[in-house]
Structure formats: structure tokens, C-alpha cells
């Protein structure tokens, strides 16, 4: 099986995005993989620090291994929003394919300092590193009870991207261009700041594409489809989805628990199918169908 770097390069060249879908338990994984299998799509399974502690780092790796063997699909595992070097090292040693260091709450210099340490350790183990410059507005995946406003100061600054990339040697970079973790009360998240994305990927003096590192869009749930498509043409190669999956899973599970059914594999079936439907919709939108 080709490695994750191969698929990021393929996504860059062919203008599609690889979907990362976060999970908290095996039922969600079943729905995610059913969608990826149906569409023959590469897929990244994501666990945040909280999700990975609930599932177990080694257990998540074991899930990935058996699914790769059974499906033959390029299935990868990412530690999402890791905040500490020590925990990222644990994920690397457990067998994760990729780790994301979230230094968004640090100063740029401190973010760079720790990112360099993560890269030095991860690359020795052949593990891909995702860095982050800018903030995504919130740490919680949830529905907001009022309209969420993106703060200008949270958006990624193009000059900081160049400084960060030159100093750290990360493999892929998450940028803040108008998304946040969660979904607006309207069910539709704010429009992407495609103008800022253009500034990030273009050299402002020559107008030529200057950033070669694949870019990541966090908080993809609820984002207008036309903005997703436009962002991919501009260099987004990985899109993270979590809230849309959680909502579909929870909604259908609640409906089933309101019945008299008490057999888990029966009342979980519709929730799993709901996750599969969401995943297939996203994979088609990202253009990754038949890219495995």
C-alpha cells in the first residue's frame, strides 16, 4: 500500500481532498469505512486527544490494521489536535500514521519551537506531521445557540505561514480561513475566506503559487459546498469532518432508543448507516471517489 505522503501528493496533483473523519467508537468506524469502501476512496480516521483516550491509542491502531487487511484500502490514522509533545510521542509509538500538533494558542515562535521537536521525533519514525497556523475559533464540536462570528485576528496570516514552514519542515499545514469546530445554529457554517486562502498560497509579489505544502481545512462540517470545491482548487488537500458525523449518529441513535429495541447491533444499525451516508456525501464532494 502506498503511504500517506503519496496520497497527499496525488491529491495536490489531481485536485481532490482526502477526508478525515473522527470517531469515538467502533460503530462510527464501521459507518466511515462502509462509505470509503463503497466509493473506493482513501480515508483518514481521526481521533482527538479526548477521543483517543476513550478508544485507546493501541486499540485505534489495531482497528486500522485489521480494516486495511480486510479491505485493501489506504486507511490512515491521525492524532488530531495534539497539544503536548509527550502525548504525540505516545501516538507515534503506538503506530499512528500521522500526528497533528495544535500550537494555535501559543505564540508563533513557541509554536515553531515545539513543532520542530515534533517533526524531529516523528520523521525518525516515518510519521507525517500536520502543523497549524491560525485559530479555528473554538475547541468544542457542537451546535451553537447563536450565530457564530469569525474573528479576523484568528485567521491565518500569510507571512506567518512562510515563517512557520521555513522553520519547521512539517508535511502538511492546517490554515484558518473562516471555519470553526461545530456548526452554526442555522446548520450552515460561515462562508470560507477564499481571499485569505489565495493570499496564503500565492506569492503576493509575483502572483505565482508559492506554497508547496498540502493544506488542511478543519471544521469542514456545515461549510457551503461551493466553498469546499473552490478551496480544493486552491490547494486544500485534506478536510476534517466530525460534527456532521456526530449529529447523524446521535440523531438516529436517539430515535432507535425511543423504541423497545434492546439489542445493540439492531439499534445501532441505523446510526451506522447514517454515518455512512454522510461520509459518502463528503467523499463525493471532496472528489476522492475511486482515488484509492
Protein backbone atom coordinates (compact mmCIF):
# COMPACT_ATOMS: atom_id res chain seq x y z
CA UNK A 1 0.00 0.00 0.00
CA UNK A 2 1.23 3.49 -0.85
CA UNK A 3 1.97 5.74 2.14
CA UNK A 4 0.13 8.87 3.24
CA UNK A 5 2.61 11.27 1.63
CA UNK A 6 1.93 9.61 -1.72
CA UNK A 7 -1.80 10.27 -1.37
CA UNK A 8 -1.27 13.90 -0.36
CA UNK A 9 0.87 14.42 -3.45
CA UNK A 10 -1.76 12.66 -5.55
CA UNK A 11 -4.46 14.90 -4.08
CA UNK A 12 -2.40 18.01 -4.86
CA UNK A 13 -1.76 16.94 -8.45
CA UNK A 14 -5.28 15.74 -9.21
CA UNK A 15 -7.12 18.46 -7.23
CA UNK A 16 -9.11 16.44 -4.73
CA UNK A 17 -9.14 16.32 -0.93
CA UNK A 18 -8.73 13.36 1.39
CA UNK A 19 -11.43 13.19 4.05
CA UNK A 20 -10.52 12.84 7.70
CA UNK A 21 -13.44 11.54 9.75
CA UNK A 22 -13.15 11.49 13.52
CA UNK A 23 -14.59 8.70 15.62
CA UNK A 24 -15.20 7.80 19.25
CA UNK A 25 -16.19 4.16 18.91
CA UNK A 26 -16.28 1.14 16.62
CA UNK A 27 -19.82 1.82 15.41
CA UNK A 28 -18.77 5.12 13.85
CA UNK A 29 -15.74 3.46 12.27
CA UNK A 30 -17.99 0.89 10.62
CA UNK A 31 -20.03 3.67 9.00
CA UNK A 32 -16.94 5.58 7.87
CA UNK A 33 -15.32 2.52 6.32
CA UNK A 34 -18.52 1.39 4.63
CA UNK A 35 -18.60 4.73 2.83
CA UNK A 36 -14.92 4.61 1.88
CA UNK A 37 -15.26 1.03 0.66
CA UNK A 38 -18.30 1.81 -1.48
CA UNK A 39 -16.52 4.70 -3.18
CA UNK A 40 -13.01 3.19 -3.23
CA UNK A 41 -11.64 6.27 -1.54
CA UNK A 42 -8.55 6.82 0.61
CA UNK A 43 -9.60 7.86 4.09
CA UNK A 44 -8.07 9.16 7.31
CA UNK A 45 -9.53 8.09 10.63
CA UNK A 46 -9.05 10.82 13.20
CA UNK A 47 -9.01 10.81 16.98
CA UNK A 48 -8.60 13.92 19.09
CA UNK A 49 -6.76 13.60 22.40
CA UNK A 50 -10.10 13.03 24.13
CA UNK A 51 -11.35 10.54 21.55
CA UNK A 52 -8.06 8.64 21.56
CA UNK A 53 -8.08 8.36 25.34
CA UNK A 54 -11.61 6.96 25.21
CA UNK A 55 -10.85 4.50 22.39
CA UNK A 56 -7.22 3.77 23.32
CA UNK A 57 -4.21 4.60 21.16
CA UNK A 58 -3.17 0.98 20.56
CA UNK A 59 -6.79 -0.09 20.10
CA UNK A 60 -7.27 2.57 17.39
CA UNK A 61 -4.13 1.31 15.63
CA UNK A 62 -5.43 -2.26 15.82
CA UNK A 63 -8.72 -1.16 14.23
CA UNK A 64 -6.83 0.48 11.37
CA UNK A 65 -4.65 -2.58 10.84
CA UNK A 66 -7.49 -5.07 10.58
CA UNK A 67 -9.50 -2.76 8.32
CA UNK A 68 -6.55 -2.27 5.97
CA UNK A 69 -6.07 -6.02 5.77
CA UNK A 70 -9.74 -6.78 5.17
CA UNK A 71 -10.48 -4.02 2.65
CA UNK A 72 -7.15 -3.38 0.94
CA UNK A 73 -7.96 0.33 1.15
CA UNK A 74 -5.47 3.09 2.01
CA UNK A 75 -6.74 3.73 5.55
CA UNK A 76 -4.67 6.02 7.73
CA UNK A 77 -4.84 7.13 11.36
CA UNK A 78 -4.23 10.67 12.65
CA UNK A 79 -3.90 12.03 16.18
CA UNK A 80 -5.94 15.21 15.81
CA UNK A 81 -5.23 18.41 17.77
CA UNK A 82 -2.46 17.01 19.93
CA UNK A 83 -1.47 19.69 22.42
CA UNK A 84 1.61 18.17 24.06
CA UNK A 85 4.82 16.69 22.70
CA UNK A 86 4.63 13.82 25.18
CA UNK A 87 1.19 12.70 24.03
CA UNK A 88 2.13 12.99 20.38
CA UNK A 89 5.10 10.74 21.09
CA UNK A 90 2.74 8.19 22.65
CA UNK A 91 0.60 8.19 19.49
CA UNK A 92 3.66 7.84 17.28
CA UNK A 93 4.98 4.90 19.30
CA UNK A 94 1.53 3.29 19.26
CA UNK A 95 1.64 3.24 15.45
CA UNK A 96 -0.30 6.29 14.21
CA UNK A 97 0.44 7.26 10.61
CA UNK A 98 0.18 10.96 11.30
CA UNK A 99 0.08 13.43 14.19
CA UNK A 100 -1.28 16.96 14.29
CA UNK A 101 0.38 19.41 16.65
CA UNK A 102 -2.03 22.17 17.59
CA UNK A 103 0.06 25.12 18.72
CA UNK A 104 -2.61 27.65 17.79
CA UNK A 105 -2.87 29.08 21.31
CA UNK A 106 0.87 29.65 21.53
CA UNK A 107 2.92 32.49 20.15
CA UNK A 108 4.22 31.80 16.66
CA UNK A 109 7.77 31.40 17.98
CA UNK A 110 6.67 28.90 20.63
CA UNK A 111 4.53 27.06 18.06
CA UNK A 112 7.59 26.79 15.82
CA UNK A 113 9.82 25.65 18.69
CA UNK A 114 7.58 22.71 19.66
CA UNK A 115 6.65 21.87 16.05
CA UNK A 116 10.34 21.39 15.25
CA UNK A 117 10.63 18.89 18.12
CA UNK A 118 7.54 17.02 16.94
CA UNK A 119 8.88 16.86 13.38
CA UNK A 120 12.33 15.67 14.50
CA UNK A 121 10.80 12.83 16.51
CA UNK A 122 8.04 11.86 14.07
CA UNK A 123 10.16 11.84 10.93
CA UNK A 124 12.61 9.38 12.52
CA UNK A 125 9.64 7.02 12.82
CA UNK A 126 8.31 7.73 9.32
CA UNK A 127 5.26 9.55 10.69
CA UNK A 128 3.63 12.50 8.88
CA UNK A 129 3.27 15.77 10.82
CA UNK A 130 0.47 18.30 10.44
CA UNK A 131 1.16 21.77 11.76
CA UNK A 132 -1.25 24.63 12.37
CA UNK A 133 -1.04 28.40 11.99
CA UNK A 134 -4.09 30.48 12.98
CA UNK A 135 -7.04 29.59 15.21
CA UNK A 136 -10.38 27.92 14.47
CA UNK A 137 -12.48 29.88 16.94
CA UNK A 138 -13.39 27.17 19.43
CA UNK A 139 -12.27 23.85 20.85
CA UNK A 140 -15.72 22.24 21.04
CA UNK A 141 -17.58 20.28 18.37
CA UNK A 142 -21.16 21.33 19.00
CA UNK A 143 -24.15 23.24 17.70
CA UNK A 144 -24.16 26.91 18.60
CA UNK A 145 -27.25 28.53 20.10
CA UNK A 146 -26.43 31.82 18.41
CA UNK A 147 -24.73 32.79 15.18
CA UNK A 148 -21.00 32.25 15.37
CA UNK A 149 -18.78 35.08 14.22
CA UNK A 150 -15.26 34.52 12.94
CA UNK A 151 -12.69 36.89 14.40
CA UNK A 152 -10.32 38.48 11.91
CA UNK A 153 -7.37 38.00 14.25
CA UNK A 154 -7.98 34.22 14.26
CA UNK A 155 -7.43 33.90 10.51
CA UNK A 156 -4.09 32.59 9.30
CA UNK A 157 -1.63 35.33 8.35
CA UNK A 158 0.25 34.58 5.10
CA UNK A 159 3.55 35.97 6.39
CA UNK A 160 3.33 33.71 9.45
CA UNK A 161 2.78 30.69 7.19
CA UNK A 162 6.03 31.33 5.34
CA UNK A 163 7.98 31.80 8.58
CA UNK A 164 6.48 28.65 10.09
CA UNK A 165 7.04 26.42 7.08
CA UNK A 166 10.62 27.52 6.54
CA UNK A 167 11.43 26.82 10.19
CA UNK A 168 9.60 23.56 10.89
CA UNK A 169 9.57 21.19 7.88
CA UNK A 170 6.02 19.97 8.63
CA UNK A 171 4.47 17.80 5.93
CA UNK A 172 1.03 19.39 5.83
CA UNK A 173 -0.45 22.58 7.28
CA UNK A 174 -3.84 23.46 8.75
CA UNK A 175 -4.94 27.03 7.99
CA UNK A 176 -7.78 29.10 9.42
CA UNK A 177 -9.84 30.58 6.59
CA UNK A 178 -13.25 31.05 8.17
CA UNK A 179 -14.24 27.70 9.66
CA UNK A 180 -14.68 26.65 13.27
CA UNK A 181 -15.28 23.42 15.16
CA UNK A 182 -19.01 22.87 15.30
CA UNK A 183 -21.97 24.04 13.22
CA UNK A 184 -23.78 27.37 13.31
CA UNK A 185 -27.36 27.33 14.66
CA UNK A 186 -28.56 27.82 11.07
CA UNK A 187 -26.97 24.49 10.14
CA UNK A 188 -24.69 26.25 7.66
CA UNK A 189 -21.28 27.48 8.73
CA UNK A 190 -19.90 30.85 7.55
CA UNK A 191 -18.55 31.24 4.03
CA UNK A 192 -14.87 30.44 3.61
CA UNK A 193 -12.45 33.31 3.29
CA UNK A 194 -11.22 32.23 -0.09
CA UNK A 195 -9.49 35.58 -0.47
CA UNK A 196 -7.30 34.73 2.52
CA UNK A 197 -6.60 31.24 1.14
CA UNK A 198 -5.44 32.83 -2.12
CA UNK A 199 -3.12 35.12 -0.15
CA UNK A 200 -1.67 32.12 1.68
CA UNK A 201 -0.92 30.05 -1.43
CA UNK A 202 0.12 32.92 -3.71
CA UNK A 203 3.30 34.91 -3.55
CA UNK A 204 1.92 38.46 -3.13
CA UNK A 205 4.68 39.98 -5.27
CA UNK A 206 4.66 37.63 -8.24
CA UNK A 207 1.18 36.07 -8.09
CA UNK A 208 2.75 32.63 -8.53
CA UNK A 209 1.80 29.67 -6.37
CA UNK A 210 4.50 29.61 -3.75
CA UNK A 211 3.28 27.24 -1.04
CA UNK A 212 4.03 23.63 -1.96
CA UNK A 213 2.95 22.04 1.31
CA UNK A 214 -0.54 20.45 1.18
CA UNK A 215 -3.10 22.47 3.15
CA UNK A 216 -5.79 21.30 5.56
CA UNK A 217 -9.28 22.62 6.24
CA UNK A 218 -10.51 21.96 9.78
CA UNK A 219 -14.13 22.37 10.79
CA UNK A 220 -15.49 21.24 7.42
CA UNK A 221 -18.94 20.36 8.79
CA UNK A 222 -21.66 22.66 7.52
CA UNK A 223 -19.37 24.53 5.13
CA UNK A 224 -21.12 25.56 1.87
CA UNK A 225 -20.38 23.03 -0.87
CA UNK A 226 -19.32 25.61 -3.44
CA UNK A 227 -16.72 26.94 -0.98
CA UNK A 228 -15.39 23.43 -0.35
CA UNK A 229 -14.94 22.87 -4.08
CA UNK A 230 -13.25 26.24 -4.54
CA UNK A 231 -10.87 25.63 -1.63
CA UNK A 232 -9.75 22.33 -3.16
CA UNK A 233 -8.86 24.03 -6.43
CA UNK A 234 -6.74 26.48 -4.41
CA UNK A 235 -4.73 23.83 -2.57
CA UNK A 236 -6.77 22.26 0.23
CA UNK A 237 -5.84 18.55 0.18
CA UNK A 238 -7.36 17.31 3.46
CA UNK A 239 -10.71 18.19 5.03
CA UNK A 240 -11.71 17.25 8.57
CA UNK A 241 -15.27 16.22 9.40
CA UNK A 242 -16.51 15.45 12.90
CA UNK A 243 -19.69 17.32 13.88
CA UNK A 244 -21.69 16.16 10.84
CA UNK A 245 -20.91 12.55 11.79
CA UNK A 246 -21.75 13.09 15.46
CA UNK A 247 -25.07 14.70 14.61
CA UNK A 248 -26.11 11.94 12.18
CA UNK A 249 -25.05 9.22 14.60
CA UNK A 250 -26.69 10.77 17.68
CA UNK A 251 -29.95 11.69 15.93
CA UNK A 252 -30.53 8.19 14.61
CA UNK A 253 -29.41 6.51 17.81
CA UNK A 254 -31.85 8.60 19.86
CA UNK A 255 -34.70 7.60 17.54
CA UNK A 256 -33.87 3.93 17.96
CA UNK A 257 -33.52 4.17 21.73
CA UNK A 258 -37.05 5.58 21.88
CA UNK A 259 -38.30 2.21 20.62
CA UNK A 260 -38.49 -1.03 22.59
CA UNK A 261 -35.41 -2.47 20.86
CA UNK A 262 -32.71 -3.52 23.34
CA UNK A 263 -30.31 -5.47 21.09
CA UNK A 264 -27.29 -3.20 20.44
CA UNK A 265 -26.43 -4.44 16.97
CA UNK A 266 -30.02 -3.76 15.94
CA UNK A 267 -30.49 -0.29 17.41
CA UNK A 268 -27.02 0.77 16.25
CA UNK A 269 -27.59 -0.29 12.63
CA UNK A 270 -29.42 2.86 11.53
CA UNK A 271 -26.93 5.12 13.28
CA UNK A 272 -24.08 3.37 11.45
CA UNK A 273 -25.92 3.73 8.14
CA UNK A 274 -26.48 7.44 8.83
CA UNK A 275 -22.72 7.91 9.28
CA UNK A 276 -22.09 6.06 6.01
CA UNK A 277 -24.47 8.37 4.14
CA UNK A 278 -22.69 11.47 5.47
CA UNK A 279 -19.26 10.05 4.61
CA UNK A 280 -20.25 9.16 1.06
CA UNK A 281 -21.70 12.65 0.51
CA UNK A 282 -18.45 14.21 1.71
CA UNK A 283 -16.18 11.92 -0.30
CA UNK A 284 -18.06 12.73 -3.49
CA UNK A 285 -17.88 16.44 -2.65
CA UNK A 286 -14.14 16.19 -2.00
CA UNK A 287 -13.60 14.43 -5.33
CA UNK A 288 -11.82 11.42 -3.77
CA UNK A 289 -14.10 8.75 -5.22
CA UNK A 290 -12.07 5.98 -6.94
CA UNK A 291 -8.76 7.55 -5.86
CA UNK A 292 -7.68 4.61 -3.66
